[in-house]
Amino acid sequence: MVPAEQRVFIDKQSPKAYRAQLAAAEAAREVAAEAGLDRRLVELVNLRVSQINGCAYCLHVHTRAALREGETSQRLGVLPAWRDTEVFSARERAALALAEATTTPSDAALQEAAYGVARETLTEEEISAVIWVAIAINSFNRVSIMSKHPVRPAPGR
């Protein structure tokens, strides 16, 4: 196993490719805003995808972003089990299912079921936006996981 300190931070090593990735993520955020998805929902999608991928760095970044946007600790705490709660709206549930299906495309049954619910609940613009947001965070998850971006303790902890 290669120690974390010997990993190449690919965002630093290849800044041109990383800037292109940042631009794609910004475009996905703009598409989400234009579709009427509020920033809290975008952050829920970012967090759920990062949970599935096991990206500690992106979980750290997007938990803080969600809290800044007014998300509650209760909803963040139960996000991994969102299907078993009553704290997410039908719209949020459809977006989370679609984001999960985008993240695990090899599960065709999950993908079809999620897309069916999304068609009943979300507009075409919202469906497209959720998928683009999920694609963007999936790629950032890969960058951070392969680079082993560190998550350090908060000051004073």
Protein backbone atom coordinates (compact mmCIF):
# COMPACT_ATOMS: atom_id res chain seq x y z
CA MET A 1 0.00 0.00 0.00
CA VAL A 2 1.37 3.40 -0.98
CA PRO A 3 1.47 5.75 2.03
CA ALA A 4 -0.69 8.88 1.75
CA GLU A 5 2.37 11.14 1.85
CA GLN A 6 3.66 9.44 -1.32
CA ARG A 7 0.47 10.00 -3.29
CA VAL A 8 0.41 12.46 -6.17
CA PHE A 9 -2.15 15.21 -5.67
CA ILE A 10 -3.40 14.97 -9.24
CA ASP A 11 -5.20 18.32 -8.97
CA LYS A 12 -1.84 19.98 -8.30
CA GLN A 13 0.14 17.81 -10.72
CA SER A 14 -2.23 18.45 -13.64
CA PRO A 15 -3.80 21.87 -13.00
CA LYS A 16 -5.15 22.24 -16.54
CA ALA A 17 -7.25 19.09 -16.20
CA TYR A 18 -8.34 20.12 -12.71
CA ARG A 19 -9.40 23.60 -13.90
CA ALA A 20 -11.51 21.90 -16.57
CA GLN A 21 -13.09 19.75 -13.88
CA LEU A 22 -13.82 22.84 -11.78
CA ALA A 23 -15.45 24.49 -14.79
CA ALA A 24 -17.62 21.41 -15.38
CA ALA A 25 -18.69 21.42 -11.72
CA GLU A 26 -19.53 25.12 -11.89
CA ALA A 27 -21.63 24.49 -15.00
CA ALA A 28 -23.47 21.69 -13.16
CA ARG A 29 -24.18 24.08 -10.24
CA GLU A 30 -25.48 26.68 -12.69
CA VAL A 31 -27.72 24.10 -14.39
CA ALA A 32 -29.04 23.09 -10.95
CA ALA A 33 -29.79 26.70 -10.02
CA GLU A 34 -31.48 27.34 -13.37
CA ALA A 35 -33.61 24.22 -12.86
CA GLY A 36 -34.72 25.54 -9.48
CA LEU A 37 -32.80 23.10 -7.29
CA ASP A 38 -31.88 24.85 -4.08
CA ARG A 39 -28.32 24.67 -2.84
CA ARG A 40 -29.29 22.48 0.14
CA LEU A 41 -30.56 19.77 -2.22
CA VAL A 42 -27.40 20.04 -4.32
CA GLU A 43 -25.34 19.56 -1.16
CA LEU A 44 -27.46 16.54 -0.13
CA VAL A 45 -26.70 14.99 -3.53
CA ASN A 46 -22.99 15.81 -3.12
CA LEU A 47 -22.97 14.23 0.33
CA ARG A 48 -24.91 11.09 -0.59
CA VAL A 49 -22.69 10.39 -3.58
CA SER A 50 -19.58 11.02 -1.47
CA GLN A 51 -20.91 8.62 1.19
CA ILE A 52 -21.38 5.88 -1.40
CA ASN A 53 -17.88 6.46 -2.77
CA GLY A 54 -16.30 6.73 0.67
CA CYS A 55 -14.63 10.08 -0.02
CA ALA A 56 -13.68 11.55 3.35
CA TYR A 57 -12.40 14.81 1.91
CA CYS A 58 -15.57 15.54 -0.09
CA LEU A 59 -17.72 14.56 2.89
CA HIS A 60 -15.78 17.06 4.98
CA VAL A 61 -16.16 19.86 2.41
CA HIS A 62 -19.81 19.28 1.59
CA THR A 63 -20.97 18.75 5.17
CA ARG A 64 -19.66 22.22 5.98
CA ALA A 65 -21.30 23.61 2.83
CA ALA A 66 -24.65 22.00 3.68
CA LEU A 67 -24.56 23.41 7.20
CA ARG A 68 -23.74 26.87 5.81
CA GLU A 69 -26.80 26.58 3.56
CA GLY A 70 -29.01 25.84 6.58
CA GLU A 71 -29.17 22.06 6.44
CA THR A 72 -29.91 20.43 9.79
CA SER A 73 -27.68 18.03 11.69
CA GLN A 74 -30.63 15.63 11.96
CA ARG A 75 -31.03 15.34 8.20
CA LEU A 76 -27.28 15.07 7.66
CA GLY A 77 -27.08 12.37 10.32
CA VAL A 78 -29.76 10.19 8.74
CA LEU A 79 -28.77 10.80 5.12
CA PRO A 80 -27.18 7.33 4.71
CA ALA A 81 -30.57 5.84 5.64
CA TRP A 82 -32.75 8.43 3.88
CA ARG A 83 -35.19 5.77 2.63
CA ASP A 84 -36.04 4.85 6.22
CA THR A 85 -36.92 8.34 7.42
CA GLU A 86 -39.69 10.86 6.99
CA VAL A 87 -37.42 13.92 6.98
CA PHE A 88 -36.90 14.20 3.22
CA SER A 89 -39.54 15.44 0.77
CA ALA A 90 -40.67 13.43 -2.25
CA ARG A 91 -38.60 15.73 -4.46
CA GLU A 92 -35.48 15.22 -2.33
CA ARG A 93 -36.04 11.47 -2.25
CA ALA A 94 -36.35 11.35 -6.04
CA ALA A 95 -33.14 13.37 -6.41
CA LEU A 96 -31.25 11.18 -3.93
CA ALA A 97 -32.38 7.99 -5.67
CA LEU A 98 -31.37 9.38 -9.05
CA ALA A 99 -27.97 10.46 -7.70
CA GLU A 100 -27.42 6.97 -6.28
CA ALA A 101 -28.37 5.40 -9.62
CA THR A 102 -25.92 7.72 -11.39
CA THR A 103 -23.20 6.68 -8.95
CA THR A 104 -23.84 2.94 -9.29
CA PRO A 105 -24.74 2.59 -12.99
CA SER A 106 -24.06 -1.16 -13.05
CA ASP A 107 -27.25 -1.73 -11.05
CA ALA A 108 -29.72 -1.49 -13.94
CA ALA A 109 -32.77 -2.27 -11.80
CA LEU A 110 -31.91 0.50 -9.33
CA GLN A 111 -31.28 2.87 -12.20
CA GLU A 112 -34.62 2.16 -13.88
CA ALA A 113 -36.59 2.41 -10.63
CA ALA A 114 -34.90 5.68 -9.67
CA TYR A 115 -35.43 7.16 -13.10
CA GLY A 116 -39.11 6.18 -13.02
CA VAL A 117 -39.63 7.95 -9.69
CA ALA A 118 -37.69 10.95 -10.94
CA ARG A 119 -39.92 11.22 -14.03
CA GLU A 120 -42.98 11.29 -11.77
CA THR A 121 -41.53 13.84 -9.34
CA LEU A 122 -38.95 16.05 -11.04
CA THR A 123 -39.04 18.17 -14.18
CA GLU A 124 -36.79 17.28 -17.10
CA GLU A 125 -34.56 20.21 -16.16
CA GLU A 126 -34.31 18.97 -12.57
CA ILE A 127 -33.53 15.41 -13.70
CA SER A 128 -30.74 16.66 -15.93
CA ALA A 129 -29.38 18.91 -13.18
CA VAL A 130 -29.34 16.15 -10.55
CA ILE A 131 -27.51 13.80 -12.92
CA TRP A 132 -24.93 16.48 -13.78
CA VAL A 133 -24.36 17.32 -10.11
CA ALA A 134 -23.90 13.60 -9.35
CA ILE A 135 -21.47 13.21 -12.25
CA ALA A 136 -19.46 16.22 -11.06
CA ILE A 137 -19.15 15.07 -7.44
CA ASN A 138 -18.34 11.52 -8.56
CA SER A 139 -15.35 12.86 -10.48
CA PHE A 140 -14.20 15.01 -7.55
CA ASN A 141 -14.54 11.96 -5.30
CA ARG A 142 -12.14 10.10 -7.58
CA VAL A 143 -9.65 12.98 -7.55
CA SER A 144 -9.66 13.15 -3.75
CA ILE A 145 -9.68 9.40 -3.16
CA MET A 146 -6.81 8.71 -5.56
CA SER A 147 -4.83 11.70 -4.24
CA LYS A 148 -5.62 10.80 -0.61
CA HIS A 149 -6.51 14.40 0.19
CA PRO A 150 -6.26 14.65 3.96
CA VAL A 151 -8.97 15.62 6.40
CA ARG A 152 -7.33 17.12 9.44
CA PRO A 153 -8.92 17.75 12.84
CA ALA A 154 -10.61 21.10 13.23
CA PRO A 155 -8.63 23.61 15.31
CA GLY A 156 -9.27 23.22 19.02
CA ARG A 157 -10.38 19.59 18.78
